[in-house]
Amino acid sequence: HLTRFELPEDALERGVPHDPVKMGGLIKQLCREKQISVHRSAVVLPTEVAFQRLIDLPVDLLADQARDYLLDPMNGLQIPIALTQADFDLQPTLLPVLQSGDQRMQAYLLTAIPSHLLDRVMETLQVAELELQALEIGGISQLRLIAADLLLLKQSEVRLVLQNRSHKAQVNANRRRYNTVSYTHLR
């Protein structure tokens, strides 16, 4: 089913429903009218809703330790978003390990979304009686859609995914390396 309808200008704030009760009701009503039997949903949020940045962390940290390291105010990292008020994901990259003083540092991709925005998404789905199966950021979703294509890249080839946003552009460089696809968010 493909249906398009106009939303009031104030219906969304940064791609997230401003009024979860109204939006959830609208989704539920649309499913009922179109006789769409659905219980699970996937949500793709616009890239600008998330804070994304490459950060360097000590190379010897396990995943849980890396998260704890980010949340520790004594680590000296300056991140312009309060991670205690956000849901965040931290993924190691395949970028080369760097030497910083006496420490070896590994680059991670930090993706953080303010909790209050995710709460509205969850409330919308709850009102619509939908279970969240997956939540993605637009740029990552685009990469997933071309994943098979990326695996066919030759060792020397790079695929750029450019996202133009109102205040800046984001470029993701993707290349095949050791039979995996590396994703680099260019600063």
N, C-alpha and C. Protein backbone atom coordinates (compact mmCIF):
# COMPACT_ATOMS: atom_id res chain seq x y z
N HIS A 1 0.85 -1.18 0.00
CA HIS A 1 0.00 0.00 0.00
C HIS A 1 0.89 1.24 0.00
N LEU A 2 0.56 2.14 -0.85
CA LEU A 2 1.28 3.41 -0.88
C LEU A 2 0.24 4.51 -0.76
N THR A 3 0.34 5.27 0.29
CA THR A 3 -0.60 6.36 0.54
C THR A 3 0.19 7.58 0.94
N ARG A 4 -0.20 8.70 0.40
CA ARG A 4 0.44 9.96 0.76
C ARG A 4 -0.63 10.92 1.24
N PHE A 5 -0.32 11.61 2.32
CA PHE A 5 -1.24 12.64 2.79
C PHE A 5 -0.43 13.75 3.41
N GLU A 6 -0.98 14.93 3.33
CA GLU A 6 -0.31 16.12 3.86
C GLU A 6 -0.52 16.20 5.36
N LEU A 7 0.55 16.52 6.06
CA LEU A 7 0.48 16.75 7.49
C LEU A 7 0.52 18.24 7.76
N PRO A 8 -0.08 18.69 8.84
CA PRO A 8 0.06 20.11 9.20
C PRO A 8 1.55 20.44 9.39
N GLU A 9 1.90 21.68 9.15
CA GLU A 9 3.30 22.11 9.21
C GLU A 9 3.94 21.82 10.56
N ASP A 10 3.17 21.88 11.63
CA ASP A 10 3.73 21.67 12.97
C ASP A 10 3.59 20.23 13.46
N ALA A 11 3.26 19.28 12.59
CA ALA A 11 3.04 17.89 13.00
C ALA A 11 4.33 17.19 13.41
N LEU A 12 5.45 17.62 12.81
CA LEU A 12 6.73 16.98 13.10
C LEU A 12 7.73 18.00 13.61
N GLU A 13 8.53 17.56 14.55
CA GLU A 13 9.64 18.37 15.06
C GLU A 13 10.90 17.55 14.85
N ARG A 14 11.76 18.01 13.95
CA ARG A 14 12.99 17.29 13.61
C ARG A 14 12.71 15.86 13.16
N GLY A 15 11.58 15.67 12.46
CA GLY A 15 11.24 14.35 11.94
C GLY A 15 10.53 13.44 12.92
N VAL A 16 10.21 13.95 14.10
CA VAL A 16 9.56 13.17 15.16
C VAL A 16 8.19 13.78 15.42
N PRO A 17 7.15 12.95 15.61
CA PRO A 17 5.82 13.50 15.86
C PRO A 17 5.80 14.48 17.03
N HIS A 18 5.22 15.64 16.79
CA HIS A 18 5.08 16.65 17.84
C HIS A 18 4.03 16.20 18.86
N ASP A 19 2.95 15.62 18.35
CA ASP A 19 1.87 15.12 19.21
C ASP A 19 1.73 13.62 18.96
N PRO A 20 2.36 12.79 19.79
CA PRO A 20 2.34 11.34 19.58
C PRO A 20 0.93 10.73 19.59
N VAL A 21 0.03 11.28 20.38
CA VAL A 21 -1.33 10.73 20.45
C VAL A 21 -2.04 10.94 19.12
N LYS A 22 -1.95 12.14 18.55
CA LYS A 22 -2.59 12.40 17.25
C LYS A 22 -1.95 11.57 16.14
N MET A 23 -0.62 11.53 16.10
CA MET A 23 0.06 10.80 15.04
C MET A 23 -0.20 9.30 15.16
N GLY A 24 -0.14 8.79 16.38
CA GLY A 24 -0.43 7.37 16.58
C GLY A 24 -1.85 7.02 16.17
N GLY A 25 -2.80 7.90 16.51
CA GLY A 25 -4.19 7.70 16.10
C GLY A 25 -4.34 7.72 14.59
N LEU A 26 -3.63 8.64 13.93
CA LEU A 26 -3.68 8.74 12.48
C LEU A 26 -3.14 7.47 11.82
N ILE A 27 -2.03 6.95 12.33
CA ILE A 27 -1.45 5.72 11.79
C ILE A 27 -2.41 4.55 11.98
N LYS A 28 -2.98 4.46 13.16
CA LYS A 28 -3.93 3.38 13.47
C LYS A 28 -5.15 3.45 12.56
N GLN A 29 -5.68 4.67 12.37
CA GLN A 29 -6.85 4.87 11.51
C GLN A 29 -6.53 4.52 10.06
N LEU A 30 -5.36 4.94 9.58
CA LEU A 30 -4.95 4.65 8.20
C LEU A 30 -4.84 3.13 7.98
N CYS A 31 -4.25 2.43 8.93
CA CYS A 31 -4.13 0.97 8.82
C CYS A 31 -5.50 0.31 8.78
N ARG A 32 -6.40 0.81 9.59
CA ARG A 32 -7.76 0.25 9.64
C ARG A 32 -8.48 0.51 8.31
N GLU A 33 -8.41 1.76 7.79
CA GLU A 33 -9.08 2.11 6.54
C GLU A 33 -8.54 1.32 5.36
N LYS A 34 -7.25 1.12 5.30
CA LYS A 34 -6.61 0.42 4.18
C LYS A 34 -6.56 -1.10 4.40
N GLN A 35 -7.13 -1.53 5.52
CA GLN A 35 -7.16 -2.94 5.90
C GLN A 35 -5.75 -3.55 5.90
N ILE A 36 -4.84 -2.82 6.54
CA ILE A 36 -3.46 -3.27 6.68
C ILE A 36 -3.33 -3.91 8.06
N SER A 37 -3.05 -5.18 8.08
CA SER A 37 -2.87 -5.89 9.34
C SER A 37 -1.37 -5.86 9.67
N VAL A 38 -1.03 -5.05 10.64
CA VAL A 38 0.38 -4.88 10.98
C VAL A 38 0.53 -4.82 12.50
N HIS A 39 1.61 -5.42 12.98
CA HIS A 39 1.87 -5.39 14.42
C HIS A 39 3.27 -4.86 14.73
N ARG A 40 4.17 -4.99 13.76
CA ARG A 40 5.54 -4.54 13.95
C ARG A 40 5.84 -3.41 12.98
N SER A 41 6.79 -2.57 13.39
CA SER A 41 7.15 -1.44 12.52
C SER A 41 8.64 -1.18 12.61
N ALA A 42 9.15 -0.60 11.56
CA ALA A 42 10.52 -0.10 11.52
C ALA A 42 10.42 1.41 11.33
N VAL A 43 11.25 2.14 12.04
CA VAL A 43 11.22 3.60 11.98
C VAL A 43 12.58 4.08 11.51
N VAL A 44 12.57 4.97 10.52
CA VAL A 44 13.79 5.62 10.05
C VAL A 44 13.66 7.10 10.37
N LEU A 45 14.57 7.57 11.20
CA LEU A 45 14.58 8.98 11.60
C LEU A 45 15.53 9.76 10.71
N PRO A 46 15.23 11.03 10.45
CA PRO A 46 16.14 11.83 9.63
C PRO A 46 17.50 12.00 10.31
N THR A 47 18.51 12.12 9.52
CA THR A 47 19.89 12.22 10.02
C THR A 47 20.05 13.37 11.00
N GLU A 48 19.35 14.48 10.77
CA GLU A 48 19.55 15.65 11.63
C GLU A 48 19.00 15.46 13.04
N VAL A 49 18.24 14.42 13.31
CA VAL A 49 17.73 14.18 14.66
C VAL A 49 18.84 13.61 15.56
N ALA A 50 19.88 13.08 14.94
CA ALA A 50 20.95 12.43 15.70
C ALA A 50 22.23 13.25 15.70
N PHE A 51 22.97 13.09 16.77
CA PHE A 51 24.32 13.63 16.85
C PHE A 51 25.24 12.48 16.46
N GLN A 52 26.05 12.68 15.42
CA GLN A 52 26.99 11.65 14.97
C GLN A 52 28.38 12.26 14.89
N ARG A 53 29.33 11.53 15.46
CA ARG A 53 30.70 12.01 15.43
C ARG A 53 31.66 10.84 15.62
N LEU A 54 32.79 10.93 14.95
CA LEU A 54 33.87 9.99 15.21
C LEU A 54 34.59 10.44 16.47
N ILE A 55 34.79 9.52 17.38
CA ILE A 55 35.53 9.84 18.60
C ILE A 55 36.61 8.78 18.79
N ASP A 56 37.70 9.18 19.39
CA ASP A 56 38.81 8.27 19.65
C ASP A 56 38.78 7.83 21.10
N LEU A 57 38.80 6.50 21.30
CA LEU A 57 38.79 5.90 22.62
C LEU A 57 39.97 4.94 22.74
N PRO A 58 40.42 4.67 23.96
CA PRO A 58 41.51 3.72 24.13
C PRO A 58 41.19 2.38 23.46
N VAL A 59 42.17 1.83 22.77
CA VAL A 59 41.97 0.65 21.93
C VAL A 59 41.61 -0.61 22.72
N ASP A 60 41.97 -0.70 23.97
CA ASP A 60 41.77 -1.92 24.73
C ASP A 60 40.41 -2.02 25.43
N LEU A 61 39.49 -1.11 25.16
CA LEU A 61 38.18 -1.13 25.82
C LEU A 61 37.24 -2.13 25.16
N LEU A 62 36.50 -2.88 25.97
CA LEU A 62 35.42 -3.72 25.47
C LEU A 62 34.20 -2.81 25.26
N ALA A 63 33.16 -3.32 24.62
CA ALA A 63 31.98 -2.50 24.28
C ALA A 63 31.37 -1.83 25.51
N ASP A 64 31.14 -2.60 26.58
CA ASP A 64 30.54 -2.01 27.79
C ASP A 64 31.48 -1.00 28.44
N GLN A 65 32.77 -1.29 28.40
CA GLN A 65 33.74 -0.36 28.97
C GLN A 65 33.79 0.94 28.16
N ALA A 66 33.65 0.83 26.85
CA ALA A 66 33.65 2.03 26.00
C ALA A 66 32.46 2.92 26.33
N ARG A 67 31.29 2.32 26.54
CA ARG A 67 30.10 3.09 26.92
C ARG A 67 30.31 3.77 28.27
N ASP A 68 30.84 3.03 29.23
CA ASP A 68 31.11 3.59 30.56
C ASP A 68 32.13 4.73 30.47
N TYR A 69 33.15 4.54 29.64
CA TYR A 69 34.18 5.56 29.45
C TYR A 69 33.56 6.86 28.93
N LEU A 70 32.64 6.74 27.98
CA LEU A 70 31.96 7.92 27.44
C LEU A 70 31.14 8.65 28.50
N LEU A 71 30.52 7.89 29.38
CA LEU A 71 29.65 8.48 30.39
C LEU A 71 30.41 9.06 31.58
N ASP A 72 31.68 8.74 31.71
CA ASP A 72 32.49 9.21 32.83
C ASP A 72 32.97 10.63 32.56
N PRO A 73 32.54 11.61 33.36
CA PRO A 73 32.94 13.00 33.13
C PRO A 73 34.44 13.24 33.36
N MET A 74 35.12 12.30 33.99
CA MET A 74 36.54 12.46 34.27
C MET A 74 37.44 12.08 33.08
N ASN A 75 36.85 11.57 31.99
CA ASN A 75 37.67 11.12 30.86
C ASN A 75 38.19 12.26 29.99
N GLY A 76 37.67 13.46 30.16
CA GLY A 76 38.16 14.61 29.41
C GLY A 76 37.55 14.77 28.03
N LEU A 77 36.69 13.85 27.59
CA LEU A 77 36.04 14.00 26.28
C LEU A 77 35.01 15.12 26.34
N GLN A 78 35.02 15.95 25.32
CA GLN A 78 34.02 17.01 25.24
C GLN A 78 33.06 16.68 24.12
N ILE A 79 31.85 16.34 24.49
CA ILE A 79 30.80 15.97 23.54
C ILE A 79 29.65 16.95 23.76
N PRO A 80 29.22 17.64 22.70
CA PRO A 80 28.21 18.70 22.87
C PRO A 80 26.77 18.20 23.04
N ILE A 81 26.61 17.01 23.58
CA ILE A 81 25.27 16.51 23.88
C ILE A 81 25.39 15.74 25.20
N ALA A 82 24.40 15.88 26.05
CA ALA A 82 24.41 15.17 27.34
C ALA A 82 24.02 13.71 27.09
N LEU A 83 24.99 12.83 27.12
CA LEU A 83 24.72 11.43 26.84
C LEU A 83 23.81 10.79 27.88
N THR A 84 23.76 11.35 29.08
CA THR A 84 22.85 10.83 30.10
C THR A 84 21.40 11.15 29.77
N GLN A 85 21.18 12.09 28.83
CA GLN A 85 19.84 12.46 28.41
C GLN A 85 19.59 12.03 26.97
N ALA A 86 20.31 10.99 26.53
CA ALA A 86 20.19 10.51 25.16
C ALA A 86 20.31 8.99 25.13
N ASP A 87 19.79 8.41 24.09
CA ASP A 87 20.05 7.01 23.80
C ASP A 87 21.15 7.03 22.77
N PHE A 88 22.22 6.26 23.01
CA PHE A 88 23.33 6.32 22.08
C PHE A 88 23.88 4.95 21.74
N ASP A 89 24.49 4.90 20.57
CA ASP A 89 25.11 3.70 20.05
C ASP A 89 26.56 4.03 19.76
N LEU A 90 27.42 3.09 19.97
CA LEU A 90 28.84 3.28 19.78
C LEU A 90 29.37 2.11 18.97
N GLN A 91 29.88 2.38 17.78
CA GLN A 91 30.37 1.33 16.90
C GLN A 91 31.84 1.55 16.58
N PRO A 92 32.69 0.52 16.77
CA PRO A 92 34.09 0.67 16.38
C PRO A 92 34.19 0.76 14.86
N THR A 93 35.15 1.51 14.37
CA THR A 93 35.37 1.63 12.93
C THR A 93 36.59 0.80 12.53
N LEU A 94 36.81 0.71 11.25
CA LEU A 94 38.00 0.01 10.73
C LEU A 94 39.12 0.99 10.41
N LEU A 95 39.01 2.20 10.93
CA LEU A 95 40.07 3.18 10.71
C LEU A 95 41.32 2.74 11.45
N PRO A 96 42.50 3.15 10.98
CA PRO A 96 43.74 2.74 11.65
C PRO A 96 43.80 3.23 13.10
N VAL A 97 44.41 2.41 13.94
CA VAL A 97 44.63 2.77 15.34
C VAL A 97 45.67 3.89 15.37
N LEU A 98 45.42 4.91 16.19
CA LEU A 98 46.31 6.05 16.30
C LEU A 98 47.05 6.02 17.63
N GLN A 99 48.23 6.57 17.63
CA GLN A 99 49.00 6.71 18.87
C GLN A 99 48.80 8.13 19.38
N SER A 100 48.33 8.28 20.62
CA SER A 100 48.14 9.59 21.22
C SER A 100 48.88 9.59 22.56
N GLY A 101 50.05 10.19 22.56
CA GLY A 101 50.88 10.15 23.77
C GLY A 101 51.32 8.72 24.03
N ASP A 102 50.96 8.22 25.20
CA ASP A 102 51.32 6.85 25.55
C ASP A 102 50.16 5.87 25.33
N GLN A 103 49.06 6.33 24.73
CA GLN A 103 47.89 5.48 24.50
C GLN A 103 47.63 5.26 23.03
N ARG A 104 47.19 4.04 22.71
CA ARG A 104 46.73 3.72 21.36
C ARG A 104 45.22 3.96 21.34
N MET A 105 44.75 4.66 20.31
CA MET A 105 43.34 5.07 20.26
C MET A 105 42.66 4.48 19.01
N GLN A 106 41.42 4.02 19.22
CA GLN A 106 40.59 3.46 18.16
C GLN A 106 39.43 4.42 17.90
N ALA A 107 39.12 4.67 16.63
CA ALA A 107 37.99 5.53 16.28
C ALA A 107 36.68 4.74 16.38
N TYR A 108 35.69 5.36 16.99
CA TYR A 108 34.33 4.82 17.11
C TYR A 108 33.36 5.82 16.50
N LEU A 109 32.28 5.32 15.95
CA LEU A 109 31.21 6.20 15.50
C LEU A 109 30.18 6.27 16.62
N LEU A 110 30.01 7.47 17.15
CA LEU A 110 29.02 7.73 18.20
C LEU A 110 27.76 8.29 17.53
N THR A 111 26.63 7.66 17.79
CA THR A 111 25.33 8.15 17.32
C THR A 111 24.44 8.31 18.55
N ALA A 112 23.97 9.52 18.80
CA ALA A 112 23.15 9.79 19.97
C ALA A 112 21.88 10.54 19.56
N ILE A 113 20.77 10.12 20.15
CA ILE A 113 19.47 10.76 19.89
C ILE A 113 18.90 11.19 21.24
N PRO A 114 18.47 12.44 21.37
CA PRO A 114 17.89 12.88 22.64
C PRO A 114 16.73 11.97 23.07
N SER A 115 16.75 11.59 24.33
CA SER A 115 15.75 10.65 24.86
C SER A 115 14.32 11.16 24.69
N HIS A 116 14.11 12.47 24.84
CA HIS A 116 12.74 12.98 24.75
C HIS A 116 12.17 12.79 23.35
N LEU A 117 13.01 12.79 22.32
CA LEU A 117 12.52 12.55 20.96
C LEU A 117 12.18 11.07 20.77
N LEU A 118 13.02 10.19 21.28
CA LEU A 118 12.73 8.76 21.18
C LEU A 118 11.50 8.39 21.99
N ASP A 119 11.29 9.07 23.11
CA ASP A 119 10.08 8.82 23.91
C ASP A 119 8.83 9.12 23.10
N ARG A 120 8.88 10.18 22.29
CA ARG A 120 7.72 10.53 21.45
C ARG A 120 7.49 9.48 20.36
N VAL A 121 8.57 8.96 19.80
CA VAL A 121 8.44 7.90 18.79
C VAL A 121 7.78 6.68 19.44
N MET A 122 8.26 6.30 20.61
CA MET A 122 7.72 5.13 21.29
C MET A 122 6.25 5.32 21.68
N GLU A 123 5.90 6.52 22.13
CA GLU A 123 4.50 6.81 22.48
C GLU A 123 3.61 6.75 21.24
N THR A 124 4.10 7.26 20.12
CA THR A 124 3.35 7.21 18.87
C THR A 124 3.04 5.77 18.49
N LEU A 125 4.06 4.91 18.57
CA LEU A 125 3.88 3.50 18.23
C LEU A 125 2.94 2.80 19.21
N GLN A 126 3.03 3.17 20.48
CA GLN A 126 2.15 2.57 21.48
C GLN A 126 0.69 2.92 21.19
N VAL A 127 0.41 4.19 20.87
CA VAL A 127 -0.96 4.61 20.55
C VAL A 127 -1.44 3.90 19.28
N ALA A 128 -0.55 3.70 18.32
CA ALA A 128 -0.90 3.03 17.06
C ALA A 128 -0.96 1.52 17.23
N GLU A 129 -0.63 1.04 18.44
CA GLU A 129 -0.61 -0.39 18.75
C GLU A 129 0.38 -1.14 17.87
N LEU A 130 1.58 -0.56 17.74
CA LEU A 130 2.65 -1.16 16.94
C LEU A 130 3.85 -1.43 17.83
N GLU A 131 4.52 -2.52 17.52
CA GLU A 131 5.75 -2.89 18.22
C GLU A 131 6.94 -2.42 17.38
N LEU A 132 7.91 -1.84 18.02
CA LEU A 132 9.10 -1.37 17.32
C LEU A 132 10.03 -2.55 17.05
N GLN A 133 10.27 -2.80 15.78
CA GLN A 133 11.17 -3.88 15.40
C GLN A 133 12.57 -3.34 15.12
N ALA A 134 12.66 -2.15 14.53
CA ALA A 134 13.97 -1.57 14.21
C ALA A 134 13.85 -0.05 14.19
N LEU A 135 14.92 0.60 14.60
CA LEU A 135 15.01 2.06 14.56
C LEU A 135 16.35 2.39 13.93
N GLU A 136 16.33 3.20 12.88
CA GLU A 136 17.55 3.55 12.18
C GLU A 136 17.59 5.04 11.90
N ILE A 137 18.80 5.51 11.67
CA ILE A 137 19.02 6.88 11.21
C ILE A 137 19.10 6.80 9.69
N GLY A 138 18.59 7.83 9.02
CA GLY A 138 18.50 7.83 7.56
C GLY A 138 19.77 7.41 6.84
N GLY A 139 20.90 7.96 7.21
CA GLY A 139 22.15 7.63 6.52
C GLY A 139 22.53 6.18 6.66
N ILE A 140 22.35 5.62 7.83
CA ILE A 140 22.67 4.21 8.06
C ILE A 140 21.68 3.34 7.29
N SER A 141 20.44 3.74 7.24
CA SER A 141 19.43 3.01 6.49
C SER A 141 19.78 2.98 5.00
N GLN A 142 20.25 4.10 4.49
CA GLN A 142 20.67 4.15 3.08
C GLN A 142 21.81 3.18 2.82
N LEU A 143 22.77 3.13 3.73
CA LEU A 143 23.90 2.21 3.56
C LEU A 143 23.44 0.76 3.60
N ARG A 144 22.50 0.46 4.48
CA ARG A 144 21.99 -0.92 4.55
C ARG A 144 21.33 -1.31 3.23
N LEU A 145 20.64 -0.37 2.60
CA LEU A 145 19.97 -0.66 1.34
C LEU A 145 20.96 -0.95 0.20
N ILE A 146 22.14 -0.38 0.28
CA ILE A 146 23.13 -0.63 -0.78
C ILE A 146 24.23 -1.59 -0.33
N ALA A 147 24.01 -2.30 0.77
CA ALA A 147 25.04 -3.18 1.34
C ALA A 147 25.53 -4.22 0.34
N ALA A 148 24.62 -4.84 -0.39
CA ALA A 148 25.03 -5.87 -1.36
C ALA A 148 25.93 -5.25 -2.44
N ASP A 149 25.57 -4.05 -2.85
CA ASP A 149 26.37 -3.33 -3.84
C ASP A 149 27.77 -3.03 -3.31
N LEU A 150 27.85 -2.68 -2.04
CA LEU A 150 29.14 -2.35 -1.43
C LEU A 150 30.06 -3.57 -1.36
N LEU A 151 29.47 -4.74 -1.17
CA LEU A 151 30.28 -5.96 -1.10
C LEU A 151 30.90 -6.31 -2.45
N LEU A 152 30.36 -5.74 -3.52
CA LEU A 152 30.91 -6.00 -4.86
C LEU A 152 32.03 -5.03 -5.24
N LEU A 153 32.30 -4.05 -4.39
CA LEU A 153 33.36 -3.09 -4.68
C LEU A 153 34.71 -3.79 -4.72
N LYS A 154 35.55 -3.33 -5.62
CA LYS A 154 36.93 -3.82 -5.66
C LYS A 154 37.69 -3.15 -4.52
N GLN A 155 38.83 -3.75 -4.16
CA GLN A 155 39.63 -3.24 -3.04
C GLN A 155 39.95 -1.75 -3.18
N SER A 156 40.15 -1.27 -4.40
CA SER A 156 40.56 0.12 -4.61
C SER A 156 39.39 1.08 -4.80
N GLU A 157 38.16 0.57 -4.83
CA GLU A 157 36.99 1.41 -5.08
C GLU A 157 36.37 1.92 -3.79
N VAL A 158 35.82 3.11 -3.88
CA VAL A 158 35.13 3.73 -2.75
C VAL A 158 33.77 4.20 -3.23
N ARG A 159 32.74 4.03 -2.41
CA ARG A 159 31.40 4.54 -2.71
C ARG A 159 31.12 5.64 -1.70
N LEU A 160 30.79 6.82 -2.20
CA LEU A 160 30.44 7.94 -1.33
C LEU A 160 28.92 8.07 -1.27
N VAL A 161 28.41 8.28 -0.08
CA VAL A 161 26.99 8.57 0.11
C VAL A 161 26.93 9.98 0.67
N LEU A 162 26.36 10.89 -0.08
CA LEU A 162 26.29 12.30 0.29
C LEU A 162 24.87 12.63 0.75
N GLN A 163 24.79 13.24 1.92
CA GLN A 163 23.50 13.70 2.43
C GLN A 163 23.57 15.20 2.60
N ASN A 164 22.80 15.92 1.80
CA ASN A 164 22.76 17.37 1.95
C ASN A 164 21.69 17.72 2.97
N ARG A 165 22.11 18.49 3.95
CA ARG A 165 21.19 18.94 4.98
C ARG A 165 21.15 20.45 4.94
N SER A 166 20.19 21.02 5.64
CA SER A 166 20.00 22.46 5.56
C SER A 166 21.23 23.24 6.02
N HIS A 167 21.96 22.76 7.01
CA HIS A 167 23.07 23.53 7.54
C HIS A 167 24.44 22.93 7.24
N LYS A 168 24.50 21.71 6.69
CA LYS A 168 25.79 21.12 6.31
C LYS A 168 25.55 19.87 5.49
N ALA A 169 26.62 19.38 4.91
CA ALA A 169 26.56 18.13 4.16
C ALA A 169 27.30 17.07 4.95
N GLN A 170 26.85 15.84 4.83
CA GLN A 170 27.51 14.71 5.48
C GLN A 170 27.93 13.75 4.39
N VAL A 171 29.19 13.32 4.43
CA VAL A 171 29.70 12.39 3.45
C VAL A 171 30.14 11.12 4.17
N ASN A 172 29.68 10.01 3.68
CA ASN A 172 30.10 8.71 4.21
C ASN A 172 30.89 8.01 3.12
N ALA A 173 32.11 7.63 3.43
CA ALA A 173 32.95 6.90 2.48
C ALA A 173 32.89 5.42 2.84
N ASN A 174 32.62 4.60 1.86
CA ASN A 174 32.47 3.17 2.09
C ASN A 174 33.38 2.43 1.13
N ARG A 175 34.11 1.47 1.65
CA ARG A 175 34.97 0.68 0.80
C ARG A 175 35.03 -0.74 1.31
N ARG A 176 35.39 -1.63 0.43
CA ARG A 176 35.52 -3.03 0.80
C ARG A 176 36.94 -3.24 1.30
N ARG A 177 37.03 -3.95 2.40
CA ARG A 177 38.34 -4.20 2.99
C ARG A 177 38.27 -5.53 3.74
N TYR A 178 39.09 -6.45 3.38
CA TYR A 178 39.14 -7.76 4.04
C TYR A 178 37.78 -8.45 4.07
N ASN A 179 37.07 -8.40 2.95
CA ASN A 179 35.76 -9.02 2.80
C ASN A 179 34.68 -8.46 3.72
N THR A 180 34.91 -7.27 4.24
CA THR A 180 33.88 -6.56 4.99
C THR A 180 33.75 -5.16 4.38
N VAL A 181 32.70 -4.49 4.72
CA VAL A 181 32.51 -3.12 4.24
C VAL A 181 32.81 -2.18 5.38
N SER A 182 33.72 -1.24 5.16
CA SER A 182 34.00 -0.26 6.20
C SER A 182 33.22 1.01 5.90
N TYR A 183 32.79 1.64 6.95
CA TYR A 183 31.97 2.85 6.88
C TYR A 183 32.75 3.94 7.59
N THR A 184 33.01 5.01 6.91
CA THR A 184 33.74 6.11 7.52
C THR A 184 32.90 7.38 7.38
N HIS A 185 32.56 7.95 8.50
CA HIS A 185 31.83 9.22 8.53
C HIS A 185 32.89 10.32 8.48
N LEU A 186 32.96 11.04 7.37
CA LEU A 186 33.99 12.06 7.21
C LEU A 186 33.63 13.30 8.00
N ARG A 187 34.59 13.81 8.71
CA ARG A 187 34.35 14.97 9.56
C ARG A 187 34.25 16.23 8.74
